[in-house]
Amino acid sequence: MPEVRVHAGRHYAIQFHYALPDDAWCVELSEAVPAPEAWSEIPNAATHLPGAAFLVAVVPDEDPDLEPTVHIHSHDEHAIPYEIMRWFMDRVASQVERCRIAFEQGQAEAVE
């Protein structure tokens, strides 16, 4: 489920997905777009959905020697407010920590 945050009247979204070919988690930042009008009749339906990602952090979870990276995907210029960038990087840092802990636990279980 994506996370949506409003800053200065604009909606931003963060979503996570696993990229199997890369053996990595991706954390994507995008400007959120309005949900379809038909959803307004559904109780508790999301009002905004992630748009096209313009920042993607790739967090490897199979090899701790691989560094997480941030990729910029954009044909247009995007000004990212400081608070939104901090929110995104906090989510990326949390994902890096989770992946490293899981890798260490998996290594310990393999030795036992």
N, C-alpha and C. Protein backbone atom coordinates (compact mmCIF):
# COMPACT_ATOMS: atom_id res chain seq x y z
N MET A 1 0.85 -1.17 0.00
CA MET A 1 0.00 0.00 0.00
C MET A 1 0.89 1.24 0.00
N PRO A 2 0.72 2.12 -0.94
CA PRO A 2 1.56 3.32 -0.98
C PRO A 2 1.26 4.26 0.19
N GLU A 3 2.27 5.02 0.55
CA GLU A 3 2.10 6.08 1.53
C GLU A 3 1.95 7.39 0.76
N VAL A 4 1.02 8.22 1.17
CA VAL A 4 0.80 9.50 0.49
C VAL A 4 0.96 10.61 1.51
N ARG A 5 1.63 11.68 1.09
CA ARG A 5 1.82 12.84 1.96
C ARG A 5 1.55 14.10 1.14
N VAL A 6 0.94 15.09 1.79
CA VAL A 6 0.65 16.37 1.15
C VAL A 6 1.66 17.39 1.66
N HIS A 7 2.24 18.14 0.74
CA HIS A 7 3.17 19.20 1.10
C HIS A 7 2.92 20.38 0.17
N ALA A 8 2.61 21.52 0.76
CA ALA A 8 2.36 22.76 0.00
C ALA A 8 1.32 22.54 -1.10
N GLY A 9 0.28 21.78 -0.77
CA GLY A 9 -0.83 21.57 -1.70
C GLY A 9 -0.59 20.51 -2.76
N ARG A 10 0.60 19.88 -2.78
CA ARG A 10 0.89 18.82 -3.74
C ARG A 10 0.94 17.48 -3.01
N HIS A 11 0.50 16.45 -3.69
CA HIS A 11 0.49 15.10 -3.12
C HIS A 11 1.69 14.32 -3.65
N TYR A 12 2.37 13.63 -2.74
CA TYR A 12 3.51 12.78 -3.09
C TYR A 12 3.23 11.38 -2.58
N ALA A 13 3.80 10.38 -3.24
CA ALA A 13 3.58 8.99 -2.84
C ALA A 13 4.91 8.25 -2.80
N ILE A 14 5.00 7.34 -1.84
CA ILE A 14 6.11 6.40 -1.75
C ILE A 14 5.51 5.01 -1.81
N GLN A 15 6.10 4.17 -2.65
CA GLN A 15 5.67 2.77 -2.67
C GLN A 15 6.90 1.88 -2.76
N PHE A 16 6.75 0.66 -2.25
CA PHE A 16 7.82 -0.33 -2.22
C PHE A 16 7.42 -1.48 -3.13
N HIS A 17 8.40 -2.03 -3.84
CA HIS A 17 8.17 -3.27 -4.58
C HIS A 17 9.49 -4.00 -4.70
N TYR A 18 9.39 -5.31 -4.96
CA TYR A 18 10.59 -6.12 -5.09
C TYR A 18 10.91 -6.32 -6.56
N ALA A 19 12.16 -6.07 -6.94
CA ALA A 19 12.63 -6.26 -8.31
C ALA A 19 13.41 -7.57 -8.34
N LEU A 20 12.76 -8.64 -8.73
CA LEU A 20 13.37 -9.96 -8.72
C LEU A 20 14.66 -10.04 -9.54
N PRO A 21 14.71 -9.48 -10.75
CA PRO A 21 15.97 -9.58 -11.52
C PRO A 21 17.17 -8.93 -10.81
N ASP A 22 16.91 -7.93 -9.98
CA ASP A 22 17.98 -7.22 -9.28
C ASP A 22 18.22 -7.76 -7.87
N ASP A 23 17.36 -8.69 -7.41
CA ASP A 23 17.43 -9.15 -6.02
C ASP A 23 17.48 -7.95 -5.09
N ALA A 24 16.53 -7.03 -5.27
CA ALA A 24 16.55 -5.79 -4.51
C ALA A 24 15.14 -5.24 -4.31
N TRP A 25 14.99 -4.51 -3.22
CA TRP A 25 13.77 -3.76 -2.98
C TRP A 25 13.92 -2.40 -3.64
N CYS A 26 12.84 -1.91 -4.19
CA CYS A 26 12.80 -0.57 -4.77
C CYS A 26 11.87 0.29 -3.96
N VAL A 27 12.33 1.48 -3.63
CA VAL A 27 11.52 2.47 -2.93
C VAL A 27 11.34 3.61 -3.92
N GLU A 28 10.10 3.87 -4.31
CA GLU A 28 9.82 4.85 -5.36
C GLU A 28 9.13 6.09 -4.80
N LEU A 29 9.58 7.25 -5.25
CA LEU A 29 8.94 8.51 -4.92
C LEU A 29 8.32 9.08 -6.19
N SER A 30 7.05 9.47 -6.09
CA SER A 30 6.36 10.07 -7.23
C SER A 30 5.41 11.15 -6.74
N GLU A 31 4.94 11.93 -7.68
CA GLU A 31 3.85 12.84 -7.37
C GLU A 31 2.58 12.01 -7.48
N ALA A 32 1.74 12.06 -6.48
CA ALA A 32 0.51 11.26 -6.48
C ALA A 32 -0.53 11.90 -7.40
N VAL A 33 -1.33 11.05 -8.00
CA VAL A 33 -2.39 11.50 -8.91
C VAL A 33 -3.75 11.13 -8.30
N PRO A 34 -4.78 11.89 -8.62
CA PRO A 34 -6.10 11.56 -8.07
C PRO A 34 -6.57 10.17 -8.49
N ALA A 35 -7.22 9.49 -7.56
CA ALA A 35 -7.81 8.18 -7.84
C ALA A 35 -9.00 8.37 -8.78
N PRO A 36 -9.40 7.31 -9.47
CA PRO A 36 -10.56 7.43 -10.36
C PRO A 36 -11.81 7.91 -9.62
N GLU A 37 -12.61 8.71 -10.29
CA GLU A 37 -13.83 9.27 -9.70
C GLU A 37 -14.74 8.18 -9.16
N ALA A 38 -14.80 7.04 -9.82
CA ALA A 38 -15.68 5.94 -9.39
C ALA A 38 -15.32 5.43 -8.00
N TRP A 39 -14.08 5.63 -7.58
CA TRP A 39 -13.65 5.17 -6.27
C TRP A 39 -14.28 5.98 -5.14
N SER A 40 -14.79 7.16 -5.44
CA SER A 40 -15.35 8.02 -4.39
C SER A 40 -16.54 7.36 -3.69
N GLU A 41 -17.17 6.41 -4.34
CA GLU A 41 -18.31 5.70 -3.75
C GLU A 41 -17.88 4.53 -2.86
N ILE A 42 -16.61 4.17 -2.90
CA ILE A 42 -16.10 3.04 -2.11
C ILE A 42 -15.62 3.56 -0.76
N PRO A 43 -16.15 3.01 0.33
CA PRO A 43 -15.72 3.46 1.66
C PRO A 43 -14.21 3.21 1.86
N ASN A 44 -13.53 4.17 2.43
CA ASN A 44 -12.11 4.09 2.77
C ASN A 44 -11.19 3.90 1.55
N ALA A 45 -11.67 4.19 0.37
CA ALA A 45 -10.83 4.06 -0.83
C ALA A 45 -9.79 5.18 -0.84
N ALA A 46 -8.67 4.89 -1.43
CA ALA A 46 -7.61 5.90 -1.56
C ALA A 46 -8.10 7.05 -2.43
N THR A 47 -7.68 8.25 -2.08
CA THR A 47 -8.04 9.42 -2.89
C THR A 47 -6.95 9.75 -3.90
N HIS A 48 -5.74 9.24 -3.65
CA HIS A 48 -4.61 9.48 -4.56
C HIS A 48 -3.81 8.19 -4.72
N LEU A 49 -3.23 8.04 -5.90
CA LEU A 49 -2.42 6.88 -6.23
C LEU A 49 -1.04 7.35 -6.70
N PRO A 50 -0.03 6.49 -6.57
CA PRO A 50 1.30 6.88 -7.06
C PRO A 50 1.28 7.15 -8.56
N GLY A 51 1.99 8.17 -8.96
CA GLY A 51 2.17 8.45 -10.38
C GLY A 51 3.47 7.82 -10.85
N ALA A 52 4.00 8.31 -11.93
CA ALA A 52 5.27 7.80 -12.44
C ALA A 52 6.40 8.20 -11.49
N ALA A 53 7.20 7.23 -11.09
CA ALA A 53 8.29 7.48 -10.14
C ALA A 53 9.35 8.37 -10.76
N PHE A 54 9.82 9.36 -9.99
CA PHE A 54 10.92 10.17 -10.47
C PHE A 54 12.19 9.95 -9.65
N LEU A 55 12.09 9.31 -8.50
CA LEU A 55 13.24 8.84 -7.74
C LEU A 55 13.00 7.39 -7.37
N VAL A 56 14.00 6.54 -7.57
CA VAL A 56 13.88 5.13 -7.20
C VAL A 56 15.16 4.73 -6.47
N ALA A 57 15.00 4.32 -5.21
CA ALA A 57 16.13 3.78 -4.45
C ALA A 57 16.11 2.27 -4.63
N VAL A 58 17.25 1.71 -4.98
CA VAL A 58 17.39 0.26 -5.17
C VAL A 58 18.21 -0.25 -3.99
N VAL A 59 17.59 -1.16 -3.20
CA VAL A 59 18.21 -1.66 -1.98
C VAL A 59 18.42 -3.16 -2.11
N PRO A 60 19.66 -3.61 -2.43
CA PRO A 60 19.92 -5.03 -2.57
C PRO A 60 19.70 -5.76 -1.24
N ASP A 61 19.11 -6.94 -1.30
CA ASP A 61 18.89 -7.68 -0.06
C ASP A 61 19.56 -9.06 -0.06
N GLU A 62 20.26 -9.41 -1.13
CA GLU A 62 20.93 -10.71 -1.20
C GLU A 62 22.43 -10.60 -0.96
N ASP A 63 23.01 -9.43 -1.17
CA ASP A 63 24.45 -9.25 -1.04
C ASP A 63 24.72 -7.95 -0.28
N PRO A 64 25.18 -8.06 0.97
CA PRO A 64 25.40 -6.83 1.76
C PRO A 64 26.56 -5.98 1.24
N ASP A 65 27.37 -6.53 0.34
CA ASP A 65 28.47 -5.74 -0.22
C ASP A 65 28.00 -4.78 -1.32
N LEU A 66 26.80 -5.02 -1.85
CA LEU A 66 26.25 -4.11 -2.86
C LEU A 66 25.65 -2.91 -2.16
N GLU A 67 25.99 -1.73 -2.64
CA GLU A 67 25.48 -0.49 -2.05
C GLU A 67 24.10 -0.16 -2.58
N PRO A 68 23.24 0.36 -1.69
CA PRO A 68 21.98 0.92 -2.19
C PRO A 68 22.29 2.12 -3.08
N THR A 69 21.46 2.34 -4.08
CA THR A 69 21.65 3.46 -4.99
C THR A 69 20.32 4.18 -5.19
N VAL A 70 20.39 5.44 -5.59
CA VAL A 70 19.20 6.22 -5.90
C VAL A 70 19.30 6.60 -7.38
N HIS A 71 18.25 6.27 -8.12
CA HIS A 71 18.20 6.56 -9.55
C HIS A 71 17.18 7.67 -9.81
N ILE A 72 17.51 8.56 -10.70
CA ILE A 72 16.61 9.65 -11.08
C ILE A 72 15.98 9.28 -12.41
N HIS A 73 14.65 9.21 -12.43
CA HIS A 73 13.90 8.86 -13.64
C HIS A 73 12.97 10.01 -13.97
N SER A 74 13.37 10.84 -14.91
CA SER A 74 12.52 11.97 -15.22
C SER A 74 12.89 12.58 -16.56
N HIS A 75 11.88 12.92 -17.31
CA HIS A 75 12.09 13.68 -18.54
C HIS A 75 11.92 15.17 -18.26
N ASP A 76 11.23 15.46 -17.17
CA ASP A 76 10.98 16.84 -16.78
C ASP A 76 11.78 17.15 -15.52
N GLU A 77 11.96 18.41 -15.27
CA GLU A 77 12.62 18.83 -14.04
C GLU A 77 11.62 18.73 -12.89
N HIS A 78 12.06 18.20 -11.76
CA HIS A 78 11.22 18.12 -10.57
C HIS A 78 11.95 18.82 -9.43
N ALA A 79 11.27 19.74 -8.79
CA ALA A 79 11.78 20.35 -7.58
C ALA A 79 11.16 19.57 -6.42
N ILE A 80 12.00 18.92 -5.64
CA ILE A 80 11.51 18.10 -4.53
C ILE A 80 11.71 18.88 -3.24
N PRO A 81 10.63 19.18 -2.54
CA PRO A 81 10.76 19.91 -1.28
C PRO A 81 11.62 19.13 -0.29
N TYR A 82 12.35 19.86 0.51
CA TYR A 82 13.27 19.26 1.49
C TYR A 82 12.55 18.25 2.38
N GLU A 83 11.39 18.59 2.91
CA GLU A 83 10.67 17.67 3.81
C GLU A 83 10.26 16.38 3.10
N ILE A 84 9.92 16.47 1.83
CA ILE A 84 9.55 15.27 1.07
C ILE A 84 10.79 14.42 0.82
N MET A 85 11.92 15.06 0.53
CA MET A 85 13.16 14.31 0.33
C MET A 85 13.58 13.61 1.62
N ARG A 86 13.44 14.29 2.73
CA ARG A 86 13.76 13.66 4.03
C ARG A 86 12.85 12.48 4.29
N TRP A 87 11.56 12.62 4.02
CA TRP A 87 10.59 11.53 4.19
C TRP A 87 11.01 10.33 3.34
N PHE A 88 11.34 10.58 2.08
CA PHE A 88 11.77 9.52 1.18
C PHE A 88 13.04 8.85 1.69
N MET A 89 14.05 9.64 2.05
CA MET A 89 15.32 9.06 2.49
C MET A 89 15.17 8.33 3.83
N ASP A 90 14.26 8.77 4.69
CA ASP A 90 13.98 8.02 5.93
C ASP A 90 13.44 6.63 5.59
N ARG A 91 12.54 6.56 4.61
CA ARG A 91 11.99 5.26 4.20
C ARG A 91 13.06 4.38 3.57
N VAL A 92 13.95 5.00 2.79
CA VAL A 92 15.05 4.25 2.18
C VAL A 92 15.99 3.71 3.27
N ALA A 93 16.35 4.56 4.23
CA ALA A 93 17.25 4.13 5.31
C ALA A 93 16.63 2.99 6.11
N SER A 94 15.33 3.06 6.37
CA SER A 94 14.65 1.98 7.09
C SER A 94 14.69 0.69 6.30
N GLN A 95 14.51 0.78 4.99
CA GLN A 95 14.53 -0.42 4.14
C GLN A 95 15.94 -1.02 4.11
N VAL A 96 16.96 -0.19 4.04
CA VAL A 96 18.34 -0.67 4.07
C VAL A 96 18.59 -1.43 5.37
N GLU A 97 18.17 -0.85 6.48
CA GLU A 97 18.36 -1.49 7.78
C GLU A 97 17.63 -2.83 7.85
N ARG A 98 16.37 -2.88 7.38
CA ARG A 98 15.60 -4.13 7.41
C ARG A 98 16.29 -5.21 6.56
N CYS A 99 16.78 -4.83 5.40
CA CYS A 99 17.43 -5.80 4.51
C CYS A 99 18.72 -6.33 5.13
N ARG A 100 19.49 -5.47 5.75
CA ARG A 100 20.75 -5.90 6.36
C ARG A 100 20.50 -6.80 7.55
N ILE A 101 19.51 -6.48 8.36
CA ILE A 101 19.17 -7.33 9.51
C ILE A 101 18.70 -8.70 9.02
N ALA A 102 17.83 -8.71 8.03
CA ALA A 102 17.32 -9.98 7.50
C ALA A 102 18.45 -10.81 6.92
N PHE A 103 19.40 -10.18 6.22
CA PHE A 103 20.53 -10.91 5.65
C PHE A 103 21.37 -11.53 6.77
N GLU A 104 21.67 -10.74 7.81
CA GLU A 104 22.47 -11.25 8.93
C GLU A 104 21.76 -12.40 9.63
N GLN A 105 20.45 -12.31 9.82
CA GLN A 105 19.70 -13.39 10.45
C GLN A 105 19.72 -14.64 9.58
N GLY A 106 19.61 -14.46 8.28
CA GLY A 106 19.65 -15.59 7.35
C GLY A 106 21.02 -16.26 7.36
N GLN A 107 22.08 -15.48 7.46
CA GLN A 107 23.42 -16.04 7.52
C GLN A 107 23.62 -16.82 8.80
N ALA A 108 23.12 -16.29 9.92
CA ALA A 108 23.26 -16.96 11.21
C ALA A 108 22.50 -18.29 11.20
N GLU A 109 21.31 -18.30 10.60
CA GLU A 109 20.51 -19.53 10.52
C GLU A 109 21.18 -20.57 9.63
N ALA A 110 21.87 -20.13 8.58
CA ALA A 110 22.55 -21.04 7.66
C ALA A 110 23.73 -21.73 8.36
N VAL A 111 24.36 -21.04 9.31
CA VAL A 111 25.51 -21.60 10.04
C VAL A 111 25.06 -22.63 11.06
N GLU A 112 23.90 -22.44 11.65
CA GLU A 112 23.39 -23.34 12.70
C GLU A 112 23.05 -24.69 12.23
